[in-house]
Amino acid sequence: MAKTLFIVDDEVYQSLPEAARGNLLSRVRGLFSFIPLNVEARKPRLFPEVLHFTDSVVSLTESDQAVDPVLQHIKQKETANVQFSIKQAGVNLTINNPPPSFAGNLDRGGVGGHWKTVVPIGQQTVSISMTYGVASLETAEEAVVDEDLHGRSLVDIRRERQKLIDKKGLEYAYAKHQSLTLTREEMEAELLAKHAPLKDWPGYLADNVVTALARIIAHEARHQYILAHSAAGLGADSPRVWGDPNYADFDGTDKANIVTRINDLTTSWNTAAVHLETCPQEKASPFD
């Protein structure tokens, strides 16, 4: 499939409430409506064997800490699968020296990279399409809660409550508006600290997390077309994915650059006679 952003449909994706999954796909699709990209969730074993140059893939992780292990797994499996495909195709090609773009561009809570090229081999031209993105749910949750709590931690909020009790007394501290606000903020901080499943979050907060996660996914998908960050907008280095309208969308110049890049990738793809398989049926999926 061409011009498709695949979100890996695995345990992390399925842990999101059904409505959240639908909203996530819709919001990512909206961020790429200027192309437009197809956006769909796909089980790892149901991926197309050949990934088109204009395709991108993003896997979700529950934590920031899991981003690098998932990244390394995908890169290792994609490399092994393409090496297998080279043998199956009977072409004389080695892929021992990937370009810098395949190392990826590591962001807070995510990473994206690619190796999309056409190689002439004798009278043939062969395409290599290796691509990946990883997005952390934890980063999306932190972005939303940090904005709402103005960067305060659970310890900070509990300290504020104790000061209120010491100053006004227990009855006042638990009955007034300020205390009710602190109670809500303490609940939000606890959800983040315990990394509670999104289904246990209040609806308004969960929906905000979905929006932030959609922006992280879009940012990492962009790296599968353009590795370098943009000067402004959602494609910029370390964008604030919640609470700052300057990073809510790709800026106009970046959109134009992405469209140009996708058109160039399509032209390059069409010059290849042999397309190596990134997800051959005989091998384990890189996204499993």
Protein backbone atom coordinates (compact mmCIF):
# COMPACT_ATOMS: atom_id res chain seq x y z
CA MET A 1 0.00 0.00 0.00
CA ALA A 2 1.23 3.50 -0.77
CA LYS A 3 0.83 6.61 1.39
CA THR A 4 -0.23 4.64 4.45
CA LEU A 5 0.73 5.23 8.05
CA PHE A 6 0.41 1.95 9.92
CA ILE A 7 -0.02 2.07 13.69
CA VAL A 8 0.99 -1.30 15.08
CA ASP A 9 -2.06 -3.04 16.54
CA ASP A 10 -0.52 -4.83 19.51
CA GLU A 11 -1.07 -5.10 23.28
CA VAL A 12 -0.19 -1.46 23.92
CA TYR A 13 -2.57 -0.22 21.23
CA GLN A 14 -5.32 -2.57 22.43
CA SER A 15 -4.87 -1.30 26.01
CA LEU A 16 -6.41 1.98 24.88
CA PRO A 17 -10.20 2.20 25.23
CA GLU A 18 -12.07 1.51 21.99
CA ALA A 19 -13.23 5.12 21.63
CA ALA A 20 -9.70 6.36 22.26
CA ARG A 21 -8.35 4.10 19.50
CA GLY A 22 -10.86 5.50 17.04
CA ASN A 23 -10.10 9.08 18.05
CA LEU A 24 -6.37 8.44 17.80
CA LEU A 25 -6.61 7.24 14.20
CA SER A 26 -8.87 10.15 13.30
CA ARG A 27 -6.57 12.77 14.81
CA VAL A 28 -3.42 11.36 13.22
CA ARG A 29 -5.29 11.27 9.91
CA GLY A 30 -6.23 14.91 10.39
CA LEU A 31 -2.62 15.92 10.96
CA PHE A 32 -1.70 14.41 7.58
CA SER A 33 -4.80 15.54 5.70
CA PHE A 34 -2.67 17.84 3.53
CA ILE A 35 -1.16 14.79 1.74
CA PRO A 36 -3.46 12.91 2.52
CA LEU A 37 -2.18 9.75 4.24
CA ASN A 38 -4.23 6.66 4.93
CA VAL A 39 -3.97 5.91 8.66
CA GLU A 40 -4.86 2.48 9.98
CA ALA A 41 -4.08 0.07 12.79
CA ARG A 42 -2.65 -3.22 11.54
CA LYS A 43 -1.70 -6.47 13.30
CA PRO A 44 2.02 -7.21 12.84
CA ARG A 45 1.46 -10.45 10.93
CA LEU A 46 -0.92 -8.71 8.52
CA PHE A 47 1.53 -6.09 7.29
CA PRO A 48 2.17 -5.98 3.55
CA GLU A 49 5.32 -7.86 2.63
CA VAL A 50 6.67 -4.83 0.76
CA LEU A 51 6.57 -1.41 2.41
CA HIS A 52 6.23 1.39 -0.13
CA PHE A 53 8.60 4.36 0.20
CA THR A 54 5.59 6.53 1.04
CA ASP A 55 4.51 4.23 3.89
CA SER A 56 5.37 4.79 7.53
CA VAL A 57 4.97 2.65 10.64
CA VAL A 58 4.67 3.66 14.30
CA SER A 59 4.74 1.29 17.27
CA LEU A 60 3.44 2.42 20.66
CA THR A 61 5.16 1.83 23.98
CA GLU A 62 3.72 2.27 27.46
CA SER A 63 6.89 3.93 28.78
CA ASP A 64 9.74 6.13 27.62
CA GLN A 65 12.16 3.48 28.84
CA ALA A 66 10.77 0.97 26.33
CA VAL A 67 11.40 3.19 23.28
CA ASP A 68 15.03 2.17 22.70
CA PRO A 69 14.52 -1.62 23.14
CA VAL A 70 11.62 -1.52 20.68
CA LEU A 71 13.70 0.56 18.27
CA GLN A 72 16.61 -1.89 18.38
CA HIS A 73 14.28 -4.86 17.88
CA ILE A 74 12.65 -3.31 14.82
CA LYS A 75 15.96 -2.32 13.22
CA GLN A 76 17.48 -5.76 13.79
CA LYS A 77 14.45 -7.58 12.39
CA GLU A 78 14.08 -5.29 9.38
CA THR A 79 17.75 -5.72 8.53
CA ALA A 80 17.53 -9.51 8.85
CA ASN A 81 14.35 -9.63 6.78
CA VAL A 82 15.77 -7.52 3.96
CA GLN A 83 18.91 -9.68 3.94
CA PHE A 84 16.63 -12.71 3.57
CA SER A 85 14.75 -10.98 0.75
CA ILE A 86 18.02 -10.23 -1.03
CA LYS A 87 18.83 -13.94 -1.07
CA GLN A 88 15.32 -14.82 -2.19
CA ALA A 89 15.52 -12.30 -5.03
CA GLY A 90 18.95 -13.57 -6.07
CA VAL A 91 20.51 -10.11 -6.28
CA ASN A 92 24.12 -9.26 -5.49
CA LEU A 93 23.66 -6.69 -2.73
CA THR A 94 24.93 -6.09 0.81
CA ILE A 95 23.38 -3.75 3.36
CA ASN A 96 26.18 -3.54 5.90
CA ASN A 97 26.49 0.26 5.86
CA PRO A 98 23.09 1.86 6.45
CA PRO A 99 22.87 5.65 5.99
CA PRO A 100 22.55 8.04 8.97
CA SER A 101 18.79 8.26 8.35
CA PHE A 102 18.42 4.63 9.50
CA ALA A 103 19.96 5.48 12.87
CA GLY A 104 16.87 7.60 13.45
CA ASN A 105 16.25 10.93 15.11
CA LEU A 106 15.69 10.36 18.82
CA ASP A 107 13.15 12.62 20.50
CA ARG A 108 11.80 12.78 24.02
CA GLY A 109 9.38 9.89 24.12
CA GLY A 110 9.86 8.70 20.56
CA VAL A 111 12.08 8.03 17.59
CA GLY A 112 11.72 7.73 13.84
CA GLY A 113 14.03 6.80 10.99
CA HIS A 114 14.23 5.22 7.56
CA TRP A 115 16.32 3.79 4.78
CA LYS A 116 14.52 4.25 1.47
CA THR A 117 16.65 4.01 -1.62
CA VAL A 118 16.93 2.49 -5.08
CA VAL A 119 20.17 0.68 -5.90
CA PRO A 120 21.31 -0.18 -9.45
CA ILE A 121 22.64 -3.73 -9.69
CA GLY A 122 23.79 -4.63 -13.17
CA GLN A 123 20.79 -4.22 -15.43
CA GLN A 124 18.35 -4.18 -12.50
CA THR A 125 17.27 -1.54 -10.01
CA VAL A 126 16.36 -2.71 -6.51
CA SER A 127 14.47 -0.81 -3.81
CA ILE A 128 15.30 -1.02 -0.11
CA SER A 129 12.49 0.18 2.15
CA MET A 130 13.20 0.02 5.87
CA THR A 131 11.23 2.36 8.09
CA TYR A 132 10.14 2.68 11.71
CA GLY A 133 8.72 4.96 14.36
CA VAL A 134 8.15 4.51 18.08
CA ALA A 135 5.90 6.71 20.25
CA SER A 136 5.59 6.62 24.04
CA LEU A 137 2.21 6.81 25.75
CA GLU A 138 3.98 7.94 28.93
CA THR A 139 5.26 11.08 27.22
CA ALA A 140 1.74 11.97 26.07
CA GLU A 141 0.40 11.48 29.60
CA GLU A 142 3.19 13.56 31.11
CA ALA A 143 2.64 16.38 28.63
CA VAL A 144 -1.05 16.66 29.55
CA VAL A 145 -0.64 16.33 33.31
CA ASP A 146 2.41 18.61 33.51
CA GLU A 147 0.51 21.33 31.67
CA ASP A 148 -2.52 20.98 33.94
CA LEU A 149 -0.39 20.91 37.12
CA HIS A 150 2.02 23.61 35.91
CA GLY A 151 4.96 21.26 36.32
CA ARG A 152 4.21 20.36 39.96
CA SER A 153 4.74 16.83 41.22
CA LEU A 154 2.56 14.70 43.48
CA VAL A 155 4.88 15.60 46.37
CA ASP A 156 4.45 19.31 45.61
CA ILE A 157 0.65 19.05 45.63
CA ARG A 158 0.56 17.08 48.89
CA ARG A 159 2.86 19.65 50.46
CA GLU A 160 0.47 22.41 49.39
CA ARG A 161 -2.44 20.53 50.95
CA GLN A 162 -0.58 20.10 54.24
CA LYS A 163 0.24 23.81 54.34
CA LEU A 164 -3.46 24.57 53.82
CA ILE A 165 -4.39 22.21 56.67
CA ASP A 166 -1.81 23.74 58.96
CA LYS A 167 -3.03 27.24 58.16
CA LYS A 168 -6.81 26.85 57.95
CA GLY A 169 -7.58 23.62 59.74
CA LEU A 170 -8.71 20.20 58.53
CA GLU A 171 -12.38 21.04 58.00
CA TYR A 172 -11.63 24.14 55.93
CA ALA A 173 -8.91 22.41 53.93
CA TYR A 174 -11.25 19.67 52.71
CA ALA A 175 -14.34 21.78 52.09
CA LYS A 176 -13.26 24.81 50.10
CA HIS A 177 -12.65 25.35 46.42
CA GLN A 178 -8.88 25.44 46.80
CA SER A 179 -8.94 22.04 48.48
CA LEU A 180 -11.21 20.58 45.82
CA THR A 181 -8.76 21.80 43.21
CA LEU A 182 -5.88 20.21 45.08
CA THR A 183 -7.86 16.95 45.34
CA ARG A 184 -8.37 16.90 41.57
CA GLU A 185 -4.73 17.74 40.95
CA GLU A 186 -3.59 15.05 43.39
CA MET A 187 -5.72 12.52 41.52
CA GLU A 188 -4.14 13.52 38.19
CA ALA A 189 -0.62 13.31 39.62
CA GLU A 190 -1.37 9.86 41.07
CA LEU A 191 -2.64 8.59 37.72
CA LEU A 192 0.64 9.63 36.14
CA ALA A 193 2.83 8.34 38.97
CA LYS A 194 1.12 4.94 38.93
CA HIS A 195 0.93 4.95 35.11
CA ALA A 196 -2.70 3.91 35.40
CA PRO A 197 -4.34 2.44 32.26
CA LEU A 198 -5.96 5.14 30.15
CA LYS A 199 -9.38 3.54 30.73
CA ASP A 200 -9.08 4.57 34.39
CA TRP A 201 -8.47 8.25 33.58
CA PRO A 202 -11.31 10.80 33.62
CA GLY A 203 -12.74 11.24 30.14
CA TYR A 204 -11.55 14.80 29.62
CA LEU A 205 -7.97 13.90 30.58
CA ALA A 206 -7.90 10.69 28.54
CA ASP A 207 -9.10 12.57 25.47
CA ASN A 208 -6.32 15.13 25.90
CA VAL A 209 -3.76 12.32 26.18
CA VAL A 210 -5.05 10.86 22.90
CA THR A 211 -4.52 14.22 21.18
CA ALA A 212 -0.97 14.49 22.57
CA LEU A 213 -0.22 10.90 21.52
CA ALA A 214 -1.52 11.59 18.00
CA ARG A 215 0.95 14.47 17.72
CA ILE A 216 3.86 12.29 18.88
CA ILE A 217 2.89 9.62 16.33
CA ALA A 218 2.70 12.23 13.57
CA HIS A 219 6.08 13.66 14.55
CA GLU A 220 7.74 10.22 14.40
CA ALA A 221 5.98 9.34 11.14
CA ARG A 222 7.36 12.56 9.65
CA HIS A 223 10.91 11.35 10.43
CA GLN A 224 10.21 8.45 8.05
CA TYR A 225 10.06 10.98 5.22
CA ILE A 226 12.30 13.81 6.46
CA LEU A 227 14.90 13.00 9.12
CA ALA A 228 15.84 16.57 10.09
CA HIS A 229 13.55 18.61 12.30
CA SER A 230 11.68 21.57 10.88
CA ALA A 231 12.21 25.17 11.98
CA ALA A 232 8.72 25.48 13.46
CA GLY A 233 5.53 23.58 14.22
CA LEU A 234 4.97 19.95 15.13
CA GLY A 235 8.01 18.85 13.13
CA ALA A 236 10.37 20.99 15.23
CA ASP A 237 12.87 19.63 17.73
CA SER A 238 11.18 18.64 21.02
CA PRO A 239 7.75 20.10 20.26
CA ARG A 240 5.34 20.62 23.14
CA VAL A 241 2.62 18.16 22.21
CA TRP A 242 0.09 19.64 24.61
CA GLY A 243 -0.65 23.16 25.78
CA ASP A 244 1.06 25.19 23.05
CA PRO A 245 -0.83 25.97 19.82
CA ASN A 246 2.48 26.63 18.05
CA TYR A 247 3.09 22.87 18.03
CA ALA A 248 -0.44 21.62 17.42
CA ASP A 249 0.18 21.05 13.69
CA PHE A 250 2.93 21.01 11.07
CA ASP A 251 3.69 24.50 9.83
CA GLY A 252 3.07 25.51 6.22
CA THR A 253 6.66 25.29 5.01
CA ASP A 254 7.09 21.87 6.58
CA LYS A 255 3.88 20.61 4.99
CA ALA A 256 5.14 21.70 1.58
CA ASN A 257 8.47 19.97 2.22
CA ILE A 258 6.75 16.74 3.28
CA VAL A 259 4.58 16.73 0.15
CA THR A 260 7.65 17.33 -2.04
CA ARG A 261 9.53 14.53 -0.29
CA ILE A 262 6.66 12.08 -0.72
CA ASN A 263 6.41 12.95 -4.41
CA ASP A 264 10.17 12.40 -4.78
CA LEU A 265 9.91 9.07 -2.97
CA THR A 266 7.11 8.00 -5.31
CA THR A 267 9.22 8.88 -8.35
CA SER A 268 12.20 6.99 -6.93
CA TRP A 269 10.05 3.95 -6.10
CA ASN A 270 8.76 3.76 -9.65
CA THR A 271 12.29 3.43 -11.03
CA ALA A 272 12.87 0.10 -9.26
CA ALA A 273 12.22 -3.22 -10.95
CA VAL A 274 12.67 -5.31 -7.79
CA HIS A 275 11.18 -4.34 -4.42
CA LEU A 276 12.74 -6.15 -1.47
CA GLU A 277 10.36 -7.41 1.20
CA THR A 278 10.63 -5.87 4.65
CA CYS A 279 7.95 -8.16 6.10
CA PRO A 280 8.29 -11.50 4.25
CA GLN A 281 5.76 -14.09 5.34
CA GLU A 282 8.53 -16.59 6.03
CA LYS A 283 10.05 -14.39 8.74
CA ALA A 284 8.92 -12.81 11.99
CA SER A 285 7.41 -9.37 11.67
CA PRO A 286 9.71 -6.52 12.75
CA PHE A 287 6.73 -5.02 14.57
CA ASP A 288 5.79 -8.10 16.61
